[in-house]
Amino acid sequence: MFASLLERGRKRAGGAVSLTGVSRRSDSAVGGAMSDPTLAKAEKCLAAWDAFKALGERQPVPLYCTEHDEWERQQNKVADAWRDALCDLLATVPTTLQGAIALIDAGLRYQADMDRTQYSELVARLKAFLQSRRRR
């Protein structure tokens, strides 16, 4: 589902799509939605994930050669960057509805790679956002 939303958003926006499927070019028209730190962190996380997947598709063969060792070091570095971006995203409380949606999208997209503690953090951030909206 998430991938199909991104694809539809890419086609409408001519390739520039945010994690929530909103065109990056229209972010200012959304009333400053990019001022929500969750959105920028979601974008960073998605870019790191795309880099991780792209590098994985270029795995050199045979396994036990210098080229593979270099690829593996690079793969570990890119995986660490993605994990850091995910942890940074999960530690952020959204300040807009679009940010909350981006956090939910990230949880759905990366659920297989998240442990129970990280999922609990995601739910806690969403709860904090919803509670802050209720007080308004």
N, C-alpha and C. Protein backbone atom coordinates (compact mmCIF):
# COMPACT_ATOMS: atom_id res chain seq x y z
N MET A 1 0.82 -1.18 0.00
CA MET A 1 0.00 0.00 0.00
C MET A 1 0.87 1.26 0.00
N PHE A 2 1.87 1.29 0.89
CA PHE A 2 2.74 2.46 0.99
C PHE A 2 3.46 2.71 -0.32
N ALA A 3 3.95 1.65 -0.93
CA ALA A 3 4.68 1.82 -2.18
C ALA A 3 3.77 2.36 -3.28
N SER A 4 2.52 1.88 -3.31
CA SER A 4 1.62 2.37 -4.35
C SER A 4 1.29 3.85 -4.14
N LEU A 5 1.17 4.29 -2.88
CA LEU A 5 0.95 5.70 -2.61
C LEU A 5 2.14 6.54 -3.07
N LEU A 6 3.34 6.04 -2.80
CA LEU A 6 4.53 6.77 -3.24
C LEU A 6 4.59 6.85 -4.75
N GLU A 7 4.27 5.74 -5.42
CA GLU A 7 4.32 5.75 -6.88
C GLU A 7 3.32 6.75 -7.45
N ARG A 8 2.11 6.75 -6.92
CA ARG A 8 1.11 7.71 -7.40
C ARG A 8 1.58 9.13 -7.16
N GLY A 9 2.15 9.38 -5.98
CA GLY A 9 2.66 10.70 -5.66
C GLY A 9 3.79 11.11 -6.57
N ARG A 10 4.69 10.16 -6.90
CA ARG A 10 5.81 10.45 -7.79
C ARG A 10 5.31 10.87 -9.16
N LYS A 11 4.31 10.16 -9.65
CA LYS A 11 3.79 10.46 -10.99
C LYS A 11 3.15 11.85 -11.01
N ARG A 12 2.40 12.19 -9.97
CA ARG A 12 1.76 13.51 -9.93
C ARG A 12 2.77 14.62 -9.77
N ALA A 13 3.82 14.38 -8.99
CA ALA A 13 4.77 15.44 -8.66
C ALA A 13 5.97 15.45 -9.59
N GLY A 14 5.98 14.59 -10.57
CA GLY A 14 7.12 14.56 -11.49
C GLY A 14 8.38 14.04 -10.82
N GLY A 15 8.24 13.13 -9.85
CA GLY A 15 9.39 12.49 -9.24
C GLY A 15 9.74 12.97 -7.86
N ALA A 16 9.37 14.16 -7.45
CA ALA A 16 9.74 14.68 -6.14
C ALA A 16 8.65 14.38 -5.13
N VAL A 17 8.86 13.36 -4.29
CA VAL A 17 7.83 12.93 -3.36
C VAL A 17 8.40 12.83 -1.95
N SER A 18 7.60 13.23 -0.99
CA SER A 18 7.99 13.08 0.41
C SER A 18 7.50 11.72 0.90
N LEU A 19 7.85 11.36 2.13
CA LEU A 19 7.46 10.08 2.70
C LEU A 19 5.96 9.95 2.75
N THR A 20 5.23 11.03 2.93
CA THR A 20 3.77 10.97 3.03
C THR A 20 3.09 11.06 1.67
N GLY A 21 3.84 11.11 0.59
CA GLY A 21 3.26 11.17 -0.73
C GLY A 21 2.93 12.58 -1.18
N VAL A 22 3.30 13.59 -0.41
CA VAL A 22 3.05 14.98 -0.77
C VAL A 22 4.25 15.50 -1.54
N SER A 23 4.02 16.19 -2.62
CA SER A 23 5.10 16.72 -3.42
C SER A 23 5.96 17.67 -2.59
N ARG A 24 7.26 17.54 -2.69
CA ARG A 24 8.16 18.44 -1.98
C ARG A 24 7.96 19.87 -2.46
N ARG A 25 7.61 20.02 -3.72
CA ARG A 25 7.40 21.36 -4.27
C ARG A 25 6.18 22.03 -3.66
N SER A 26 5.23 21.24 -3.13
CA SER A 26 4.01 21.83 -2.60
C SER A 26 4.05 21.97 -1.08
N ASP A 27 5.18 21.66 -0.43
CA ASP A 27 5.25 21.72 1.03
C ASP A 27 4.94 23.10 1.57
N SER A 28 5.37 24.16 0.87
CA SER A 28 5.07 25.49 1.36
C SER A 28 3.59 25.79 1.23
N ALA A 29 2.93 25.17 0.27
CA ALA A 29 1.50 25.38 0.09
C ALA A 29 0.69 24.65 1.16
N VAL A 30 1.31 23.70 1.85
CA VAL A 30 0.62 22.95 2.88
C VAL A 30 0.64 23.72 4.19
N GLY A 31 1.09 24.94 4.19
CA GLY A 31 1.09 25.75 5.39
C GLY A 31 2.31 25.52 6.25
N GLY A 32 3.46 25.33 5.63
CA GLY A 32 4.69 25.18 6.39
C GLY A 32 4.83 23.83 7.07
N ALA A 33 4.25 22.79 6.47
CA ALA A 33 4.30 21.46 7.07
C ALA A 33 5.73 20.99 7.29
N MET A 34 6.67 21.45 6.46
CA MET A 34 8.05 21.00 6.63
C MET A 34 8.69 21.59 7.88
N SER A 35 7.97 22.48 8.58
CA SER A 35 8.50 22.96 9.85
C SER A 35 8.41 21.88 10.92
N ASP A 36 7.65 20.84 10.66
CA ASP A 36 7.58 19.69 11.56
C ASP A 36 8.86 18.88 11.38
N PRO A 37 9.67 18.76 12.43
CA PRO A 37 10.94 18.03 12.30
C PRO A 37 10.75 16.57 11.91
N THR A 38 9.59 16.01 12.18
CA THR A 38 9.34 14.61 11.83
C THR A 38 9.41 14.41 10.32
N LEU A 39 8.92 15.38 9.56
CA LEU A 39 8.91 15.22 8.11
C LEU A 39 10.31 15.19 7.53
N ALA A 40 11.16 16.08 7.97
CA ALA A 40 12.55 16.09 7.47
C ALA A 40 13.27 14.80 7.88
N LYS A 41 13.02 14.34 9.09
CA LYS A 41 13.67 13.11 9.55
C LYS A 41 13.13 11.89 8.82
N ALA A 42 11.84 11.92 8.47
CA ALA A 42 11.26 10.83 7.69
C ALA A 42 11.87 10.79 6.30
N GLU A 43 12.08 11.95 5.71
CA GLU A 43 12.73 12.03 4.39
C GLU A 43 14.16 11.47 4.47
N LYS A 44 14.89 11.86 5.50
CA LYS A 44 16.26 11.39 5.68
C LYS A 44 16.28 9.87 5.84
N CYS A 45 15.33 9.36 6.61
CA CYS A 45 15.25 7.92 6.84
C CYS A 45 14.94 7.18 5.53
N LEU A 46 14.01 7.70 4.76
CA LEU A 46 13.66 7.08 3.49
C LEU A 46 14.84 7.10 2.52
N ALA A 47 15.57 8.22 2.47
CA ALA A 47 16.74 8.30 1.60
C ALA A 47 17.81 7.29 2.02
N ALA A 48 18.01 7.15 3.33
CA ALA A 48 19.00 6.19 3.83
C ALA A 48 18.56 4.76 3.50
N TRP A 49 17.26 4.49 3.62
CA TRP A 49 16.74 3.16 3.28
C TRP A 49 16.93 2.87 1.79
N ASP A 50 16.64 3.85 0.95
CA ASP A 50 16.82 3.68 -0.50
C ASP A 50 18.28 3.41 -0.84
N ALA A 51 19.20 4.11 -0.18
CA ALA A 51 20.63 3.89 -0.40
C ALA A 51 21.03 2.48 0.03
N PHE A 52 20.49 2.03 1.14
CA PHE A 52 20.77 0.68 1.65
C PHE A 52 20.29 -0.37 0.65
N LYS A 53 19.06 -0.21 0.16
CA LYS A 53 18.52 -1.16 -0.80
C LYS A 53 19.31 -1.14 -2.10
N ALA A 54 19.65 0.04 -2.58
CA ALA A 54 20.39 0.15 -3.84
C ALA A 54 21.76 -0.52 -3.74
N LEU A 55 22.44 -0.33 -2.62
CA LEU A 55 23.75 -0.95 -2.45
C LEU A 55 23.62 -2.46 -2.37
N GLY A 56 22.55 -2.94 -1.74
CA GLY A 56 22.31 -4.38 -1.64
C GLY A 56 22.10 -5.03 -2.99
N GLU A 57 21.55 -4.29 -3.93
CA GLU A 57 21.31 -4.82 -5.27
C GLU A 57 22.60 -4.92 -6.09
N ARG A 58 23.65 -4.25 -5.63
CA ARG A 58 24.92 -4.25 -6.38
C ARG A 58 25.97 -5.14 -5.72
N GLN A 59 25.55 -6.14 -4.96
CA GLN A 59 26.50 -7.00 -4.27
C GLN A 59 27.41 -7.71 -5.26
N PRO A 60 28.72 -7.54 -5.09
CA PRO A 60 29.66 -8.19 -6.01
C PRO A 60 29.81 -9.68 -5.70
N VAL A 61 30.18 -10.41 -6.71
CA VAL A 61 30.43 -11.83 -6.57
C VAL A 61 31.81 -12.08 -7.13
N PRO A 62 32.62 -12.94 -6.65
CA PRO A 62 32.41 -13.93 -5.59
C PRO A 62 32.52 -13.32 -4.19
N LEU A 63 32.06 -14.08 -3.22
CA LEU A 63 31.99 -13.59 -1.85
C LEU A 63 33.35 -13.29 -1.23
N TYR A 64 34.32 -14.09 -1.46
CA TYR A 64 35.60 -13.94 -0.76
C TYR A 64 36.66 -13.28 -1.64
N CYS A 65 36.43 -12.02 -1.95
CA CYS A 65 37.40 -11.26 -2.73
C CYS A 65 37.50 -9.85 -2.14
N THR A 66 38.50 -9.12 -2.54
CA THR A 66 38.73 -7.77 -2.02
C THR A 66 37.56 -6.86 -2.34
N GLU A 67 37.01 -6.99 -3.54
CA GLU A 67 35.88 -6.15 -3.93
C GLU A 67 34.67 -6.39 -3.02
N HIS A 68 34.43 -7.66 -2.68
CA HIS A 68 33.31 -7.97 -1.80
C HIS A 68 33.56 -7.42 -0.39
N ASP A 69 34.78 -7.51 0.09
CA ASP A 69 35.11 -6.99 1.42
C ASP A 69 34.84 -5.48 1.48
N GLU A 70 35.21 -4.76 0.42
CA GLU A 70 34.97 -3.32 0.37
C GLU A 70 33.47 -3.03 0.32
N TRP A 71 32.74 -3.81 -0.49
CA TRP A 71 31.29 -3.65 -0.55
C TRP A 71 30.66 -3.88 0.82
N GLU A 72 31.13 -4.90 1.52
CA GLU A 72 30.57 -5.22 2.83
C GLU A 72 30.82 -4.09 3.84
N ARG A 73 32.01 -3.50 3.81
CA ARG A 73 32.29 -2.35 4.68
C ARG A 73 31.35 -1.18 4.36
N GLN A 74 31.16 -0.92 3.07
CA GLN A 74 30.26 0.15 2.64
C GLN A 74 28.81 -0.18 3.05
N GLN A 75 28.42 -1.42 2.88
CA GLN A 75 27.07 -1.85 3.25
C GLN A 75 26.83 -1.64 4.75
N ASN A 76 27.82 -1.97 5.56
CA ASN A 76 27.69 -1.77 7.01
C ASN A 76 27.55 -0.28 7.35
N LYS A 77 28.32 0.56 6.66
CA LYS A 77 28.26 2.00 6.90
C LYS A 77 26.88 2.56 6.52
N VAL A 78 26.36 2.12 5.37
CA VAL A 78 25.05 2.59 4.91
C VAL A 78 23.95 2.06 5.83
N ALA A 79 24.07 0.82 6.27
CA ALA A 79 23.09 0.25 7.20
C ALA A 79 23.09 1.01 8.52
N ASP A 80 24.26 1.36 9.01
CA ASP A 80 24.36 2.15 10.25
C ASP A 80 23.71 3.52 10.07
N ALA A 81 23.90 4.14 8.91
CA ALA A 81 23.29 5.45 8.65
C ALA A 81 21.78 5.34 8.64
N TRP A 82 21.25 4.27 8.04
CA TRP A 82 19.81 4.07 8.04
C TRP A 82 19.29 3.84 9.45
N ARG A 83 19.97 3.00 10.21
CA ARG A 83 19.53 2.70 11.58
C ARG A 83 19.56 3.97 12.43
N ASP A 84 20.60 4.79 12.28
CA ASP A 84 20.68 6.07 13.01
C ASP A 84 19.53 7.00 12.62
N ALA A 85 19.23 7.06 11.31
CA ALA A 85 18.13 7.91 10.84
C ALA A 85 16.79 7.42 11.39
N LEU A 86 16.61 6.11 11.43
CA LEU A 86 15.37 5.54 11.98
C LEU A 86 15.23 5.85 13.46
N CYS A 87 16.31 5.66 14.21
CA CYS A 87 16.27 5.95 15.65
C CYS A 87 15.99 7.43 15.90
N ASP A 88 16.59 8.29 15.09
CA ASP A 88 16.35 9.73 15.22
C ASP A 88 14.88 10.06 14.92
N LEU A 89 14.33 9.45 13.90
CA LEU A 89 12.92 9.64 13.57
C LEU A 89 12.02 9.18 14.71
N LEU A 90 12.30 8.00 15.24
CA LEU A 90 11.46 7.45 16.30
C LEU A 90 11.52 8.25 17.59
N ALA A 91 12.58 9.04 17.75
CA ALA A 91 12.73 9.85 18.97
C ALA A 91 12.05 11.22 18.84
N THR A 92 11.38 11.46 17.72
CA THR A 92 10.80 12.77 17.44
C THR A 92 9.28 12.75 17.59
N VAL A 93 8.76 13.70 18.35
CA VAL A 93 7.30 13.86 18.47
C VAL A 93 6.83 14.76 17.33
N PRO A 94 5.88 14.29 16.52
CA PRO A 94 5.39 15.13 15.43
C PRO A 94 4.67 16.36 15.97
N THR A 95 4.69 17.42 15.18
CA THR A 95 3.99 18.64 15.57
C THR A 95 2.83 18.97 14.63
N THR A 96 2.70 18.18 13.55
CA THR A 96 1.60 18.38 12.60
C THR A 96 0.98 17.03 12.28
N LEU A 97 -0.20 17.08 11.71
CA LEU A 97 -0.86 15.86 11.28
C LEU A 97 -0.02 15.14 10.23
N GLN A 98 0.59 15.91 9.30
CA GLN A 98 1.44 15.29 8.28
C GLN A 98 2.63 14.57 8.92
N GLY A 99 3.17 15.14 9.98
CA GLY A 99 4.28 14.50 10.69
C GLY A 99 3.85 13.20 11.35
N ALA A 100 2.66 13.19 11.94
CA ALA A 100 2.14 11.97 12.55
C ALA A 100 1.93 10.89 11.50
N ILE A 101 1.42 11.29 10.34
CA ILE A 101 1.21 10.34 9.25
C ILE A 101 2.56 9.78 8.77
N ALA A 102 3.55 10.64 8.67
CA ALA A 102 4.89 10.19 8.25
C ALA A 102 5.45 9.19 9.25
N LEU A 103 5.22 9.42 10.54
CA LEU A 103 5.70 8.50 11.57
C LEU A 103 4.99 7.16 11.46
N ILE A 104 3.69 7.19 11.22
CA ILE A 104 2.93 5.95 11.03
C ILE A 104 3.44 5.22 9.79
N ASP A 105 3.63 5.95 8.69
CA ASP A 105 4.15 5.34 7.46
C ASP A 105 5.50 4.67 7.70
N ALA A 106 6.37 5.33 8.44
CA ALA A 106 7.68 4.76 8.74
C ALA A 106 7.53 3.48 9.56
N GLY A 107 6.63 3.51 10.52
CA GLY A 107 6.39 2.31 11.34
C GLY A 107 5.91 1.14 10.50
N LEU A 108 5.04 1.42 9.56
CA LEU A 108 4.54 0.36 8.68
C LEU A 108 5.62 -0.11 7.71
N ARG A 109 6.37 0.83 7.17
CA ARG A 109 7.40 0.48 6.18
C ARG A 109 8.55 -0.33 6.79
N TYR A 110 8.96 0.03 7.98
CA TYR A 110 10.15 -0.58 8.58
C TYR A 110 9.82 -1.55 9.71
N GLN A 111 8.57 -1.97 9.85
CA GLN A 111 8.17 -2.78 10.99
C GLN A 111 8.98 -4.07 11.12
N ALA A 112 9.37 -4.68 10.03
CA ALA A 112 10.14 -5.92 10.11
C ALA A 112 11.53 -5.69 10.69
N ASP A 113 12.01 -4.44 10.62
CA ASP A 113 13.36 -4.13 11.08
C ASP A 113 13.36 -3.44 12.44
N MET A 114 12.19 -3.28 13.04
CA MET A 114 12.10 -2.59 14.34
C MET A 114 11.87 -3.62 15.44
N ASP A 115 12.48 -3.37 16.59
CA ASP A 115 12.22 -4.25 17.72
C ASP A 115 11.05 -3.69 18.55
N ARG A 116 10.66 -4.42 19.56
CA ARG A 116 9.51 -4.04 20.37
C ARG A 116 9.70 -2.68 21.04
N THR A 117 10.91 -2.39 21.50
CA THR A 117 11.19 -1.11 22.15
C THR A 117 10.99 0.04 21.17
N GLN A 118 11.49 -0.11 19.95
CA GLN A 118 11.34 0.93 18.95
C GLN A 118 9.87 1.14 18.59
N TYR A 119 9.12 0.05 18.50
CA TYR A 119 7.69 0.20 18.22
C TYR A 119 6.99 0.91 19.36
N SER A 120 7.38 0.61 20.59
CA SER A 120 6.81 1.29 21.76
C SER A 120 7.12 2.78 21.72
N GLU A 121 8.34 3.14 21.30
CA GLU A 121 8.72 4.55 21.17
C GLU A 121 7.86 5.24 20.12
N LEU A 122 7.63 4.58 19.00
CA LEU A 122 6.81 5.15 17.95
C LEU A 122 5.40 5.43 18.47
N VAL A 123 4.82 4.47 19.17
CA VAL A 123 3.47 4.64 19.70
C VAL A 123 3.45 5.75 20.75
N ALA A 124 4.48 5.85 21.57
CA ALA A 124 4.56 6.90 22.59
C ALA A 124 4.62 8.28 21.94
N ARG A 125 5.35 8.43 20.84
CA ARG A 125 5.44 9.71 20.15
C ARG A 125 4.09 10.10 19.55
N LEU A 126 3.42 9.11 18.97
CA LEU A 126 2.09 9.37 18.40
C LEU A 126 1.09 9.74 19.50
N LYS A 127 1.17 9.06 20.62
CA LYS A 127 0.29 9.36 21.75
C LYS A 127 0.53 10.79 22.24
N ALA A 128 1.80 11.18 22.36
CA ALA A 128 2.12 12.54 22.80
C ALA A 128 1.55 13.57 21.83
N PHE A 129 1.67 13.29 20.53
CA PHE A 129 1.12 14.20 19.53
C PHE A 129 -0.39 14.32 19.68
N LEU A 130 -1.07 13.18 19.78
CA LEU A 130 -2.52 13.19 19.89
C LEU A 130 -2.98 13.90 21.17
N GLN A 131 -2.26 13.70 22.27
CA GLN A 131 -2.62 14.37 23.51
C GLN A 131 -2.43 15.88 23.39
N SER A 132 -1.38 16.31 22.71
CA SER A 132 -1.15 17.75 22.54
C SER A 132 -2.24 18.36 21.65
N ARG A 133 -2.75 17.63 20.69
CA ARG A 133 -3.81 18.12 19.81
C ARG A 133 -5.13 18.22 20.55
N ARG A 134 -5.35 17.32 21.49
CA ARG A 134 -6.59 17.31 22.25
C ARG A 134 -6.71 18.52 23.16
N ARG A 135 -5.59 19.00 23.66
CA ARG A 135 -5.59 20.15 24.60
C ARG A 135 -5.87 21.47 23.90
N ARG A 136 -5.79 21.52 22.61
CA ARG A 136 -5.97 22.79 21.88
C ARG A 136 -7.40 23.24 21.86
